[in-house]
Amino acid sequence: DKDGRIERVEFYANHKYAGTMTKAPCSFEIQKVNEIQPKIE
Protein backbone atom coordinates (compact mmCIF):
# COMPACT_ATOMS: atom_id res chain seq x y z
CA ASP A 1 0.00 0.00 0.00
CA LYS A 2 1.60 3.25 -1.16
CA ASP A 3 -0.16 5.48 1.37
CA GLY A 4 -0.48 3.25 4.41
CA ARG A 5 -0.16 -0.40 5.33
CA ILE A 6 -1.94 -3.66 4.64
CA GLU A 7 -4.48 -4.38 7.38
CA ARG A 8 -5.63 -7.86 6.36
CA VAL A 9 -6.05 -10.29 3.47
CA GLU A 10 -9.24 -12.34 3.22
CA PHE A 11 -9.52 -15.57 1.23
CA TYR A 12 -12.69 -16.98 -0.34
CA ALA A 13 -13.22 -20.29 -2.14
CA ASN A 14 -16.33 -20.77 -4.28
CA HIS A 15 -17.84 -17.59 -2.78
CA LYS A 16 -17.43 -18.90 0.78
CA TYR A 17 -15.15 -17.36 3.39
CA ALA A 18 -12.02 -19.49 3.89
CA GLY A 19 -9.83 -17.40 6.20
CA THR A 20 -7.96 -14.19 7.02
CA MET A 21 -4.28 -13.37 7.36
CA THR A 22 -2.88 -10.23 8.98
CA LYS A 23 0.86 -10.80 8.62
CA ALA A 24 3.08 -11.21 5.58
CA PRO A 25 3.89 -13.41 3.81
CA CYS A 26 0.30 -14.29 2.95
CA SER A 27 0.08 -17.89 1.87
CA PHE A 28 -3.13 -19.84 2.36
CA GLU A 29 -4.07 -23.44 1.54
CA ILE A 30 -7.56 -24.08 0.15
CA GLN A 31 -8.85 -27.63 -0.02
CA LYS A 32 -10.31 -28.94 -3.28
CA VAL A 33 -13.74 -30.56 -3.25
CA ASN A 34 -13.91 -33.68 -5.44
CA GLU A 35 -10.57 -32.64 -6.99
CA ILE A 36 -12.24 -29.64 -8.67
CA GLN A 37 -10.31 -26.38 -8.88
CA PRO A 38 -12.11 -23.86 -6.61
CA LYS A 39 -12.98 -20.32 -7.70
CA ILE A 40 -10.64 -18.21 -5.59
CA GLU A 41 -11.21 -14.63 -4.49
PDB file of all heavy atoms in Angstrom:
ATOM      1  N   ASP A   1       0.852  -1.176   0.000  1.00  0.00           N
ATOM      2  CA  ASP A   1       0.000   0.000   0.000  1.00  0.00           C
ATOM      3  C   ASP A   1       0.894   1.235   0.000  1.00  0.00           C
ATOM      4  O   ASP A   1       1.720   1.405   0.896  1.00  0.00           O
ATOM      5  CB  ASP A   1      -0.922  -0.009   1.227  1.00  0.00           C
ATOM      6  CG  ASP A   1      -1.977   1.068   1.162  1.00  0.00           C
ATOM      7  OD1 ASP A   1      -2.386   1.432   0.050  1.00  0.00           O
ATOM      8  OD2 ASP A   1      -2.379   1.553   2.222  1.00  0.00           O
ATOM      9  N   LYS A   2       0.724   2.081  -1.005  1.00  0.00           N
ATOM     10  CA  LYS A   2       1.595   3.250  -1.160  1.00  0.00           C
ATOM     11  C   LYS A   2       1.347   4.334  -0.117  1.00  0.00           C
ATOM     12  O   LYS A   2       2.238   5.117   0.180  1.00  0.00           O
ATOM     13  CB  LYS A   2       1.428   3.845  -2.556  1.00  0.00           C
ATOM     14  CG  LYS A   2       1.971   2.966  -3.645  1.00  0.00           C
ATOM     15  CD  LYS A   2       1.840   3.627  -4.993  1.00  0.00           C
ATOM     16  CE  LYS A   2       2.439   2.747  -6.065  1.00  0.00           C
ATOM     17  NZ  LYS A   2       2.334   3.332  -7.388  1.00  0.00           N
ATOM     18  N   ASP A   3       0.144   4.400   0.430  1.00  0.00           N
ATOM     19  CA  ASP A   3      -0.163   5.477   1.371  1.00  0.00           C
ATOM     20  C   ASP A   3      -0.587   4.966   2.751  1.00  0.00           C
ATOM     21  O   ASP A   3      -1.302   5.633   3.476  1.00  0.00           O
ATOM     22  CB  ASP A   3      -1.238   6.397   0.800  1.00  0.00           C
ATOM     23  CG  ASP A   3      -2.551   5.668   0.543  1.00  0.00           C
ATOM     24  OD1 ASP A   3      -2.576   4.428   0.598  1.00  0.00           O
ATOM     25  OD2 ASP A   3      -3.553   6.342   0.287  1.00  0.00           O
ATOM     26  N   GLY A   4      -0.127   3.810   3.102  1.00  0.00           N
ATOM     27  CA  GLY A   4      -0.480   3.249   4.413  1.00  0.00           C
ATOM     28  C   GLY A   4       0.138   1.864   4.562  1.00  0.00           C
ATOM     29  O   GLY A   4       1.258   1.625   4.144  1.00  0.00           O
ATOM     30  N   ARG A   5      -0.641   0.967   5.141  1.00  0.00           N
ATOM     31  CA  ARG A   5      -0.163  -0.403   5.330  1.00  0.00           C
ATOM     32  C   ARG A   5      -1.304  -1.374   5.078  1.00  0.00           C
ATOM     33  O   ARG A   5      -2.471  -0.997   5.111  1.00  0.00           O
ATOM     34  CB  ARG A   5       0.397  -0.580   6.733  1.00  0.00           C
ATOM     35  CG  ARG A   5      -0.599  -0.340   7.830  1.00  0.00           C
ATOM     36  CD  ARG A   5      -0.006  -0.538   9.223  1.00  0.00           C
ATOM     37  NE  ARG A   5      -0.862   0.015  10.246  1.00  0.00           N
ATOM     38  CZ  ARG A   5      -2.017  -0.529  10.634  1.00  0.00           C
ATOM     39  NH1 ARG A   5      -2.434  -1.639  10.091  1.00  0.00           N
ATOM     40  NH2 ARG A   5      -2.745   0.046  11.567  1.00  0.00           N
ATOM     41  N   ILE A   6      -0.953  -2.623   4.846  1.00  0.00           N
ATOM     42  CA  ILE A   6      -1.945  -3.662   4.640  1.00  0.00           C
ATOM     43  C   ILE A   6      -2.502  -4.082   5.997  1.00  0.00           C
ATOM     44  O   ILE A   6      -1.745  -4.427   6.900  1.00  0.00           O
ATOM     45  CB  ILE A   6      -1.339  -4.879   3.898  1.00  0.00           C
ATOM     46  CG1 ILE A   6      -0.779  -4.453   2.538  1.00  0.00           C
ATOM     47  CG2 ILE A   6      -2.360  -5.997   3.745  1.00  0.00           C
ATOM     48  CD1 ILE A   6      -1.797  -3.866   1.592  1.00  0.00           C
ATOM     49  N   GLU A   7      -3.806  -4.036   6.127  1.00  0.00           N
ATOM     50  CA  GLU A   7      -4.480  -4.383   7.383  1.00  0.00           C
ATOM     51  C   GLU A   7      -4.744  -5.889   7.467  1.00  0.00           C
ATOM     52  O   GLU A   7      -4.462  -6.531   8.460  1.00  0.00           O
ATOM     53  CB  GLU A   7      -5.794  -3.619   7.487  1.00  0.00           C
ATOM     54  CG  GLU A   7      -6.541  -3.797   8.773  1.00  0.00           C
ATOM     55  CD  GLU A   7      -5.927  -3.012   9.911  1.00  0.00           C
ATOM     56  OE1 GLU A   7      -5.214  -2.031   9.674  1.00  0.00           O
ATOM     57  OE2 GLU A   7      -6.176  -3.410  11.055  1.00  0.00           O
ATOM     58  N   ARG A   8      -5.326  -6.426   6.368  1.00  0.00           N
ATOM     59  CA  ARG A   8      -5.632  -7.862   6.356  1.00  0.00           C
ATOM     60  C   ARG A   8      -5.873  -8.338   4.931  1.00  0.00           C
ATOM     61  O   ARG A   8      -6.143  -7.534   4.039  1.00  0.00           O
ATOM     62  CB  ARG A   8      -6.849  -8.172   7.218  1.00  0.00           C
ATOM     63  CG  ARG A   8      -8.157  -7.680   6.674  1.00  0.00           C
ATOM     64  CD  ARG A   8      -9.320  -7.940   7.643  1.00  0.00           C
ATOM     65  NE  ARG A   8     -10.588  -7.562   7.077  1.00  0.00           N
ATOM     66  CZ  ARG A   8     -11.078  -6.339   7.008  1.00  0.00           C
ATOM     67  NH1 ARG A   8     -10.368  -5.324   7.474  1.00  0.00           N
ATOM     68  NH2 ARG A   8     -12.254  -6.095   6.479  1.00  0.00           N
ATOM     69  N   VAL A   9      -5.767  -9.647   4.751  1.00  0.00           N
ATOM     70  CA  VAL A   9      -6.049 -10.289   3.473  1.00  0.00           C
ATOM     71  C   VAL A   9      -7.061 -11.394   3.751  1.00  0.00           C
ATOM     72  O   VAL A   9      -6.828 -12.259   4.591  1.00  0.00           O
ATOM     73  CB  VAL A   9      -4.769 -10.878   2.834  1.00  0.00           C
ATOM     74  CG1 VAL A   9      -5.092 -11.575   1.528  1.00  0.00           C
ATOM     75  CG2 VAL A   9      -3.725  -9.790   2.626  1.00  0.00           C
ATOM     76  N   GLU A  10      -8.204 -11.339   3.051  1.00  0.00           N
ATOM     77  CA  GLU A  10      -9.241 -12.342   3.224  1.00  0.00           C
ATOM     78  C   GLU A  10      -9.260 -13.271   2.014  1.00  0.00           C
ATOM     79  O   GLU A  10      -9.103 -12.828   0.881  1.00  0.00           O
ATOM     80  CB  GLU A  10     -10.615 -11.686   3.376  1.00  0.00           C
ATOM     81  CG  GLU A  10     -10.760 -10.859   4.630  1.00  0.00           C
ATOM     82  CD  GLU A  10     -12.128 -10.191   4.743  1.00  0.00           C
ATOM     83  OE1 GLU A  10     -12.928 -10.237   3.782  1.00  0.00           O
ATOM     84  OE2 GLU A  10     -12.389  -9.624   5.813  1.00  0.00           O
ATOM     85  N   PHE A  11      -9.485 -14.550   2.272  1.00  0.00           N
ATOM     86  CA  PHE A  11      -9.519 -15.568   1.234  1.00  0.00           C
ATOM     87  C   PHE A  11     -10.914 -16.174   1.151  1.00  0.00           C
ATOM     88  O   PHE A  11     -11.532 -16.469   2.175  1.00  0.00           O
ATOM     89  CB  PHE A  11      -8.501 -16.670   1.543  1.00  0.00           C
ATOM     90  CG  PHE A  11      -7.086 -16.189   1.561  1.00  0.00           C
ATOM     91  CD1 PHE A  11      -6.517 -15.690   2.725  1.00  0.00           C
ATOM     92  CD2 PHE A  11      -6.314 -16.219   0.412  1.00  0.00           C
ATOM     93  CE1 PHE A  11      -5.216 -15.241   2.756  1.00  0.00           C
ATOM     94  CE2 PHE A  11      -4.998 -15.764   0.428  1.00  0.00           C
ATOM     95  CZ  PHE A  11      -4.455 -15.273   1.594  1.00  0.00           C
ATOM     96  N   TYR A  12     -11.394 -16.365  -0.095  1.00  0.00           N
ATOM     97  CA  TYR A  12     -12.692 -16.982  -0.337  1.00  0.00           C
ATOM     98  C   TYR A  12     -12.514 -18.080  -1.384  1.00  0.00           C
ATOM     99  O   TYR A  12     -11.749 -17.924  -2.337  1.00  0.00           O
ATOM    100  CB  TYR A  12     -13.698 -15.946  -0.854  1.00  0.00           C
ATOM    101  CG  TYR A  12     -14.045 -14.895   0.169  1.00  0.00           C
ATOM    102  CD1 TYR A  12     -13.222 -13.802   0.389  1.00  0.00           C
ATOM    103  CD2 TYR A  12     -15.200 -15.003   0.936  1.00  0.00           C
ATOM    104  CE1 TYR A  12     -13.528 -12.845   1.337  1.00  0.00           C
ATOM    105  CE2 TYR A  12     -15.511 -14.045   1.890  1.00  0.00           C
ATOM    106  CZ  TYR A  12     -14.674 -12.969   2.077  1.00  0.00           C
ATOM    107  OH  TYR A  12     -14.973 -12.025   3.023  1.00  0.00           O
ATOM    108  N   ALA A  13     -13.223 -19.188  -1.185  1.00  0.00           N
ATOM    109  CA  ALA A  13     -13.217 -20.290  -2.143  1.00  0.00           C
ATOM    110  C   ALA A  13     -14.659 -20.600  -2.509  1.00  0.00           C
ATOM    111  O   ALA A  13     -15.485 -20.863  -1.619  1.00  0.00           O
ATOM    112  CB  ALA A  13     -12.541 -21.514  -1.550  1.00  0.00           C
ATOM    113  N   ASN A  14     -14.969 -20.547  -3.790  1.00  0.00           N
ATOM    114  CA  ASN A  14     -16.331 -20.773  -4.280  1.00  0.00           C
ATOM    115  C   ASN A  14     -17.340 -19.886  -3.548  1.00  0.00           C
ATOM    116  O   ASN A  14     -18.392 -20.337  -3.106  1.00  0.00           O
ATOM    117  CB  ASN A  14     -16.711 -22.251  -4.158  1.00  0.00           C
ATOM    118  CG  ASN A  14     -15.846 -23.124  -5.037  1.00  0.00           C
ATOM    119  OD1 ASN A  14     -15.473 -22.732  -6.136  1.00  0.00           O
ATOM    120  ND2 ASN A  14     -15.506 -24.293  -4.553  1.00  0.00           N
ATOM    121  N   HIS A  15     -17.001 -18.624  -3.400  1.00  0.00           N
ATOM    122  CA  HIS A  15     -17.843 -17.590  -2.784  1.00  0.00           C
ATOM    123  C   HIS A  15     -18.092 -17.811  -1.295  1.00  0.00           C
ATOM    124  O   HIS A  15     -19.002 -17.223  -0.721  1.00  0.00           O
ATOM    125  CB  HIS A  15     -19.182 -17.475  -3.522  1.00  0.00           C
ATOM    126  CG  HIS A  15     -19.026 -17.291  -4.995  1.00  0.00           C
ATOM    127  ND1 HIS A  15     -18.551 -16.124  -5.559  1.00  0.00           N
ATOM    128  CD2 HIS A  15     -19.254 -18.139  -6.032  1.00  0.00           C
ATOM    129  CE1 HIS A  15     -18.508 -16.263  -6.863  1.00  0.00           C
ATOM    130  NE2 HIS A  15     -18.928 -17.455  -7.178  1.00  0.00           N
ATOM    131  N   LYS A  16     -17.300 -18.660  -0.657  1.00  0.00           N
ATOM    132  CA  LYS A  16     -17.428 -18.898   0.785  1.00  0.00           C
ATOM    133  C   LYS A  16     -16.139 -18.468   1.469  1.00  0.00           C
ATOM    134  O   LYS A  16     -15.043 -18.736   0.984  1.00  0.00           O
ATOM    135  CB  LYS A  16     -17.692 -20.371   1.069  1.00  0.00           C
ATOM    136  CG  LYS A  16     -19.044 -20.836   0.562  1.00  0.00           C
ATOM    137  CD  LYS A  16     -19.273 -22.285   0.898  1.00  0.00           C
ATOM    138  CE  LYS A  16     -20.600 -22.736   0.339  1.00  0.00           C
ATOM    139  NZ  LYS A  16     -20.836 -24.154   0.545  1.00  0.00           N
ATOM    140  N   TYR A  17     -16.296 -17.828   2.615  1.00  0.00           N
ATOM    141  CA  TYR A  17     -15.149 -17.363   3.393  1.00  0.00           C
ATOM    142  C   TYR A  17     -14.276 -18.546   3.785  1.00  0.00           C
ATOM    143  O   TYR A  17     -14.753 -19.558   4.287  1.00  0.00           O
ATOM    144  CB  TYR A  17     -15.648 -16.623   4.632  1.00  0.00           C
ATOM    145  CG  TYR A  17     -14.561 -16.203   5.580  1.00  0.00           C
ATOM    146  CD1 TYR A  17     -13.769 -15.103   5.299  1.00  0.00           C
ATOM    147  CD2 TYR A  17     -14.320 -16.914   6.741  1.00  0.00           C
ATOM    148  CE1 TYR A  17     -12.764 -14.709   6.165  1.00  0.00           C
ATOM    149  CE2 TYR A  17     -13.328 -16.537   7.620  1.00  0.00           C
ATOM    150  CZ  TYR A  17     -12.549 -15.435   7.320  1.00  0.00           C
ATOM    151  OH  TYR A  17     -11.556 -15.055   8.181  1.00  0.00           O
ATOM    152  N   ALA A  18     -12.955 -18.410   3.549  1.00  0.00           N
ATOM    153  CA  ALA A  18     -12.023 -19.487   3.891  1.00  0.00           C
ATOM    154  C   ALA A  18     -11.075 -19.093   5.016  1.00  0.00           C
ATOM    155  O   ALA A  18     -10.634 -19.947   5.775  1.00  0.00           O
ATOM    156  CB  ALA A  18     -11.221 -19.896   2.654  1.00  0.00           C
ATOM    157  N   GLY A  19     -10.727 -17.813   5.133  1.00  0.00           N
ATOM    158  CA  GLY A  19      -9.827 -17.396   6.201  1.00  0.00           C
ATOM    159  C   GLY A  19      -9.275 -16.006   5.994  1.00  0.00           C
ATOM    160  O   GLY A  19      -9.467 -15.386   4.949  1.00  0.00           O
ATOM    161  N   THR A  20      -8.565 -15.527   7.022  1.00  0.00           N
ATOM    162  CA  THR A  20      -7.962 -14.188   7.016  1.00  0.00           C
ATOM    163  C   THR A  20      -6.526 -14.285   7.502  1.00  0.00           C
ATOM    164  O   THR A  20      -6.226 -15.064   8.406  1.00  0.00           O
ATOM    165  CB  THR A  20      -8.731 -13.235   7.948  1.00  0.00           C
ATOM    166  OG1 THR A  20     -10.075 -13.127   7.492  1.00  0.00           O
ATOM    167  CG2 THR A  20      -8.107 -11.851   7.976  1.00  0.00           C
ATOM    168  N   MET A  21      -5.656 -13.484   6.904  1.00  0.00           N
ATOM    169  CA  MET A  21      -4.277 -13.367   7.363  1.00  0.00           C
ATOM    170  C   MET A  21      -3.990 -11.890   7.607  1.00  0.00           C
ATOM    171  O   MET A  21      -4.442 -11.031   6.871  1.00  0.00           O
ATOM    172  CB  MET A  21      -3.304 -13.940   6.345  1.00  0.00           C
ATOM    173  CG  MET A  21      -3.497 -15.433   6.116  1.00  0.00           C
ATOM    174  SD  MET A  21      -2.071 -16.198   5.378  1.00  0.00           S
ATOM    175  CE  MET A  21      -0.944 -16.208   6.734  1.00  0.00           C
ATOM    176  N   THR A  22      -3.215 -11.618   8.658  1.00  0.00           N
ATOM    177  CA  THR A  22      -2.884 -10.232   8.983  1.00  0.00           C
ATOM    178  C   THR A  22      -1.388  -9.955   8.917  1.00  0.00           C
ATOM    179  O   THR A  22      -0.977  -8.822   9.079  1.00  0.00           O
ATOM    180  CB  THR A  22      -3.394  -9.866  10.392  1.00  0.00           C
ATOM    181  OG1 THR A  22      -2.826 -10.772  11.333  1.00  0.00           O
ATOM    182  CG2 THR A  22      -4.906  -9.929  10.462  1.00  0.00           C
ATOM    183  N   LYS A  23      -0.595 -10.982   8.684  1.00  0.00           N
ATOM    184  CA  LYS A  23       0.859 -10.804   8.624  1.00  0.00           C
ATOM    185  C   LYS A  23       1.404 -11.390   7.333  1.00  0.00           C
ATOM    186  O   LYS A  23       0.942 -12.411   6.852  1.00  0.00           O
ATOM    187  CB  LYS A  23       1.532 -11.480   9.819  1.00  0.00           C
ATOM    188  CG  LYS A  23       1.169 -10.835  11.139  1.00  0.00           C
ATOM    189  CD  LYS A  23       1.944 -11.431  12.272  1.00  0.00           C
ATOM    190  CE  LYS A  23       1.542 -10.758  13.569  1.00  0.00           C
ATOM    191  NZ  LYS A  23       2.264 -11.258  14.712  1.00  0.00           N
ATOM    192  N   ALA A  24       2.411 -10.716   6.789  1.00  0.00           N
ATOM    193  CA  ALA A  24       3.081 -11.206   5.584  1.00  0.00           C
ATOM    194  C   ALA A  24       4.097 -12.268   5.970  1.00  0.00           C
ATOM    195  O   ALA A  24       4.609 -12.242   7.080  1.00  0.00           O
ATOM    196  CB  ALA A  24       3.761 -10.047   4.866  1.00  0.00           C
ATOM    197  N   PRO A  25       4.435 -13.181   5.144  1.00  0.00           N
ATOM    198  CA  PRO A  25       3.888 -13.411   3.811  1.00  0.00           C
ATOM    199  C   PRO A  25       2.522 -14.078   3.884  1.00  0.00           C
ATOM    200  O   PRO A  25       2.261 -14.873   4.774  1.00  0.00           O
ATOM    201  CB  PRO A  25       4.909 -14.336   3.162  1.00  0.00           C
ATOM    202  CG  PRO A  25       5.501 -15.095   4.304  1.00  0.00           C
ATOM    203  CD  PRO A  25       5.487 -14.149   5.474  1.00  0.00           C
ATOM    204  N   CYS A  26       1.650 -13.738   2.967  1.00  0.00           N
ATOM    205  CA  CYS A  26       0.298 -14.289   2.951  1.00  0.00           C
ATOM    206  C   CYS A  26       0.251 -15.489   2.020  1.00  0.00           C
ATOM    207  O   CYS A  26       0.298 -15.356   0.804  1.00  0.00           O
ATOM    208  CB  CYS A  26      -0.706 -13.237   2.495  1.00  0.00           C
ATOM    209  SG  CYS A  26      -0.899 -11.899   3.661  1.00  0.00           S
ATOM    210  N   SER A  27       0.188 -16.643   2.607  1.00  0.00           N
ATOM    211  CA  SER A  27       0.079 -17.887   1.871  1.00  0.00           C
ATOM    212  C   SER A  27      -0.996 -18.714   2.551  1.00  0.00           C
ATOM    213  O   SER A  27      -0.953 -18.915   3.763  1.00  0.00           O
ATOM    214  CB  SER A  27       1.422 -18.623   1.880  1.00  0.00           C
ATOM    215  OG  SER A  27       1.329 -19.797   1.121  1.00  0.00           O
ATOM    216  N   PHE A  28      -1.971 -19.165   1.781  1.00  0.00           N
ATOM    217  CA  PHE A  28      -3.129 -19.840   2.358  1.00  0.00           C
ATOM    218  C   PHE A  28      -3.433 -21.096   1.534  1.00  0.00           C
ATOM    219  O   PHE A  28      -3.403 -21.055   0.312  1.00  0.00           O
ATOM    220  CB  PHE A  28      -4.329 -18.892   2.345  1.00  0.00           C
ATOM    221  CG  PHE A  28      -5.446 -19.298   3.241  1.00  0.00           C
ATOM    222  CD1 PHE A  28      -5.407 -19.026   4.597  1.00  0.00           C
ATOM    223  CD2 PHE A  28      -6.544 -19.962   2.732  1.00  0.00           C
ATOM    224  CE1 PHE A  28      -6.445 -19.403   5.427  1.00  0.00           C
ATOM    225  CE2 PHE A  28      -7.584 -20.335   3.551  1.00  0.00           C
ATOM    226  CZ  PHE A  28      -7.539 -20.059   4.903  1.00  0.00           C
ATOM    227  N   GLU A  29      -3.754 -22.176   2.217  1.00  0.00           N
ATOM    228  CA  GLU A  29      -4.074 -23.436   1.541  1.00  0.00           C
ATOM    229  C   GLU A  29      -5.581 -23.638   1.528  1.00  0.00           C
ATOM    230  O   GLU A  29      -6.229 -23.601   2.574  1.00  0.00           O
ATOM    231  CB  GLU A  29      -3.396 -24.605   2.249  1.00  0.00           C
ATOM    232  CG  GLU A  29      -3.565 -25.919   1.528  1.00  0.00           C
ATOM    233  CD  GLU A  29      -2.717 -27.034   2.118  1.00  0.00           C
ATOM    234  OE1 GLU A  29      -1.861 -26.749   2.976  1.00  0.00           O
ATOM    235  OE2 GLU A  29      -2.910 -28.188   1.718  1.00  0.00           O
ATOM    236  N   ILE A  30      -6.124 -23.849   0.326  1.00  0.00           N
ATOM    237  CA  ILE A  30      -7.559 -24.077   0.154  1.00  0.00           C
ATOM    238  C   ILE A  30      -7.761 -25.497  -0.353  1.00  0.00           C
ATOM    239  O   ILE A  30      -7.159 -25.900  -1.355  1.00  0.00           O
ATOM    240  CB  ILE A  30      -8.166 -23.050  -0.826  1.00  0.00           C
ATOM    241  CG1 ILE A  30      -8.029 -21.648  -0.237  1.00  0.00           C
ATOM    242  CG2 ILE A  30      -9.612 -23.380  -1.134  1.00  0.00           C
ATOM    243  CD1 ILE A  30      -8.505 -20.546  -1.140  1.00  0.00           C
ATOM    244  N   GLN A  31      -8.593 -26.241   0.339  1.00  0.00           N
ATOM    245  CA  GLN A  31      -8.855 -27.634  -0.017  1.00  0.00           C
ATOM    246  C   GLN A  31      -9.758 -27.710  -1.249  1.00  0.00           C
ATOM    247  O   GLN A  31     -10.710 -26.941  -1.390  1.00  0.00           O
ATOM    248  CB  GLN A  31      -9.520 -28.378   1.150  1.00  0.00           C
ATOM    249  CG  GLN A  31      -8.679 -28.412   2.407  1.00  0.00           C
ATOM    250  CD  GLN A  31      -7.362 -29.134   2.203  1.00  0.00           C
ATOM    251  OE1 GLN A  31      -7.301 -30.185   1.570  1.00  0.00           O
ATOM    252  NE2 GLN A  31      -6.297 -28.562   2.734  1.00  0.00           N
ATOM    253  N   LYS A  32      -9.460 -28.673  -2.128  1.00  0.00           N
ATOM    254  CA  LYS A  32     -10.315 -28.935  -3.282  1.00  0.00           C
ATOM    255  C   LYS A  32     -11.465 -29.839  -2.850  1.00  0.00           C
ATOM    256  O   LYS A  32     -11.308 -30.665  -1.960  1.00  0.00           O
ATOM    257  CB  LYS A  32      -9.532 -29.634  -4.388  1.00  0.00           C
ATOM    258  CG  LYS A  32      -8.488 -28.783  -5.048  1.00  0.00           C
ATOM    259  CD  LYS A  32      -7.806 -29.571  -6.140  1.00  0.00           C
ATOM    260  CE  LYS A  32      -6.729 -28.784  -6.822  1.00  0.00           C
ATOM    261  NZ  LYS A  32      -6.046 -29.575  -7.863  1.00  0.00           N
ATOM    262  N   VAL A  33     -12.606 -29.677  -3.486  1.00  0.00           N
ATOM    263  CA  VAL A  33     -13.744 -30.555  -3.249  1.00  0.00           C
ATOM    264  C   VAL A  33     -13.912 -31.408  -4.487  1.00  0.00           C
ATOM    265  O   VAL A  33     -14.095 -30.891  -5.585  1.00  0.00           O
ATOM    266  CB  VAL A  33     -15.027 -29.742  -2.969  1.00  0.00           C
ATOM    267  CG1 VAL A  33     -16.215 -30.659  -2.780  1.00  0.00           C
ATOM    268  CG2 VAL A  33     -14.823 -28.850  -1.757  1.00  0.00           C
ATOM    269  N   ASN A  34     -13.820 -32.728  -4.325  1.00  0.00           N
ATOM    270  CA  ASN A  34     -13.912 -33.678  -5.445  1.00  0.00           C
ATOM    271  C   ASN A  34     -12.866 -33.393  -6.521  1.00  0.00           C
ATOM    272  O   ASN A  34     -13.131 -33.527  -7.711  1.00  0.00           O
ATOM    273  CB  ASN A  34     -15.314 -33.675  -6.056  1.00  0.00           C
ATOM    274  CG  ASN A  34     -16.369 -34.100  -5.077  1.00  0.00           C
ATOM    275  OD1 ASN A  34     -16.117 -34.928  -4.194  1.00  0.00           O
ATOM    276  ND2 ASN A  34     -17.547 -33.537  -5.198  1.00  0.00           N
ATOM    277  N   GLU A  35     -11.691 -32.936  -6.084  1.00  0.00           N
ATOM    278  CA  GLU A  35     -10.569 -32.636  -6.986  1.00  0.00           C
ATOM    279  C   GLU A  35     -10.912 -31.576  -8.040  1.00  0.00           C
ATOM    280  O   GLU A  35     -10.331 -31.546  -9.117  1.00  0.00           O
ATOM    281  CB  GLU A  35     -10.053 -33.912  -7.666  1.00  0.00           C
ATOM    282  CG  GLU A  35      -9.392 -34.869  -6.720  1.00  0.00           C
ATOM    283  CD  GLU A  35      -8.173 -34.269  -6.018  1.00  0.00           C
ATOM    284  OE1 GLU A  35      -7.352 -33.636  -6.681  1.00  0.00           O
ATOM    285  OE2 GLU A  35      -8.072 -34.453  -4.796  1.00  0.00           O
ATOM    286  N   ILE A  36     -11.859 -30.721  -7.757  1.00  0.00           N
ATOM    287  CA  ILE A  36     -12.240 -29.636  -8.669  1.00  0.00           C
ATOM    288  C   ILE A  36     -11.562 -28.355  -8.209  1.00  0.00           C
ATOM    289  O   ILE A  36     -11.576 -28.023  -7.025  1.00  0.00           O
ATOM    290  CB  ILE A  36     -13.769 -29.460  -8.696  1.00  0.00           C
ATOM    291  CG1 ILE A  36     -14.428 -30.726  -9.245  1.00  0.00           C
ATOM    292  CG2 ILE A  36     -14.166 -28.242  -9.533  1.00  0.00           C
ATOM    293  CD1 ILE A  36     -15.928 -30.720  -9.174  1.00  0.00           C
ATOM    294  N   GLN A  37     -10.980 -27.650  -9.171  1.00  0.00           N
ATOM    295  CA  GLN A  37     -10.310 -26.376  -8.879  1.00  0.00           C
ATOM    296  C   GLN A  37     -11.334 -25.370  -8.343  1.00  0.00           C
ATOM    297  O   GLN A  37     -12.308 -25.069  -9.014  1.00  0.00           O
ATOM    298  CB  GLN A  37      -9.648 -25.843 -10.155  1.00  0.00           C
ATOM    299  CG  GLN A  37      -9.029 -24.490 -10.024  1.00  0.00           C
ATOM    300  CD  GLN A  37      -7.730 -24.513  -9.259  1.00  0.00           C
ATOM    301  OE1 GLN A  37      -7.085 -25.528  -9.157  1.00  0.00           O
ATOM    302  NE2 GLN A  37      -7.359 -23.372  -8.716  1.00  0.00           N
ATOM    303  N   PRO A  38     -11.152 -24.834  -7.137  1.00  0.00           N
ATOM    304  CA  PRO A  38     -12.114 -23.860  -6.607  1.00  0.00           C
ATOM    305  C   PRO A  38     -11.954 -22.490  -7.256  1.00  0.00           C
ATOM    306  O   PRO A  38     -10.880 -22.136  -7.731  1.00  0.00           O
ATOM    307  CB  PRO A  38     -11.763 -23.797  -5.115  1.00  0.00           C
ATOM    308  CG  PRO A  38     -10.323 -24.166  -5.055  1.00  0.00           C
ATOM    309  CD  PRO A  38     -10.091 -25.133  -6.173  1.00  0.00           C
ATOM    310  N   LYS A  39     -13.045 -21.721  -7.272  1.00  0.00           N
ATOM    311  CA  LYS A  39     -12.977 -20.324  -7.696  1.00  0.00           C
ATOM    312  C   LYS A  39     -12.440 -19.542  -6.505  1.00  0.00           C
ATOM    313  O   LYS A  39     -13.035 -19.552  -5.438  1.00  0.00           O
ATOM    314  CB  LYS A  39     -14.357 -19.808  -8.093  1.00  0.00           C
ATOM    315  CG  LYS A  39     -14.887 -20.452  -9.341  1.00  0.00           C
ATOM    316  CD  LYS A  39     -16.241 -19.906  -9.689  1.00  0.00           C
ATOM    317  CE  LYS A  39     -16.770 -20.616 -10.917  1.00  0.00           C
ATOM    318  NZ  LYS A  39     -18.120 -20.176 -11.274  1.00  0.00           N
ATOM    319  N   ILE A  40     -11.320 -18.883  -6.691  1.00  0.00           N
ATOM    320  CA  ILE A  40     -10.637 -18.213  -5.593  1.00  0.00           C
ATOM    321  C   ILE A  40     -10.826 -16.703  -5.710  1.00  0.00           C
ATOM    322  O   ILE A  40     -10.717 -16.137  -6.794  1.00  0.00           O
ATOM    323  CB  ILE A  40      -9.136 -18.569  -5.596  1.00  0.00           C
ATOM    324  CG1 ILE A  40      -8.976 -20.066  -5.367  1.00  0.00           C
ATOM    325  CG2 ILE A  40      -8.381 -17.765  -4.557  1.00  0.00           C
ATOM    326  CD1 ILE A  40      -7.591 -20.575  -5.590  1.00  0.00           C
ATOM    327  N   GLU A  41     -11.105 -16.077  -4.572  1.00  0.00           N
ATOM    328  CA  GLU A  41     -11.212 -14.629  -4.495  1.00  0.00           C
ATOM    329  C   GLU A  41     -10.389 -14.160  -3.300  1.00  0.00           C
ATOM    330  O   GLU A  41     -10.463 -14.729  -2.222  1.00  0.00           O
ATOM    331  CB  GLU A  41     -12.668 -14.204  -4.311  1.00  0.00           C
ATOM    332  CG  GLU A  41     -12.864 -12.709  -4.294  1.00  0.00           C
ATOM    333  CD  GLU A  41     -14.326 -12.319  -4.211  1.00  0.00           C
ATOM    334  OE1 GLU A  41     -15.153 -12.912  -4.933  1.00  0.00           O
ATOM    335  OE2 GLU A  41     -14.627 -11.419  -3.415  1.00  0.00           O
TER     336      GLU A  41
END
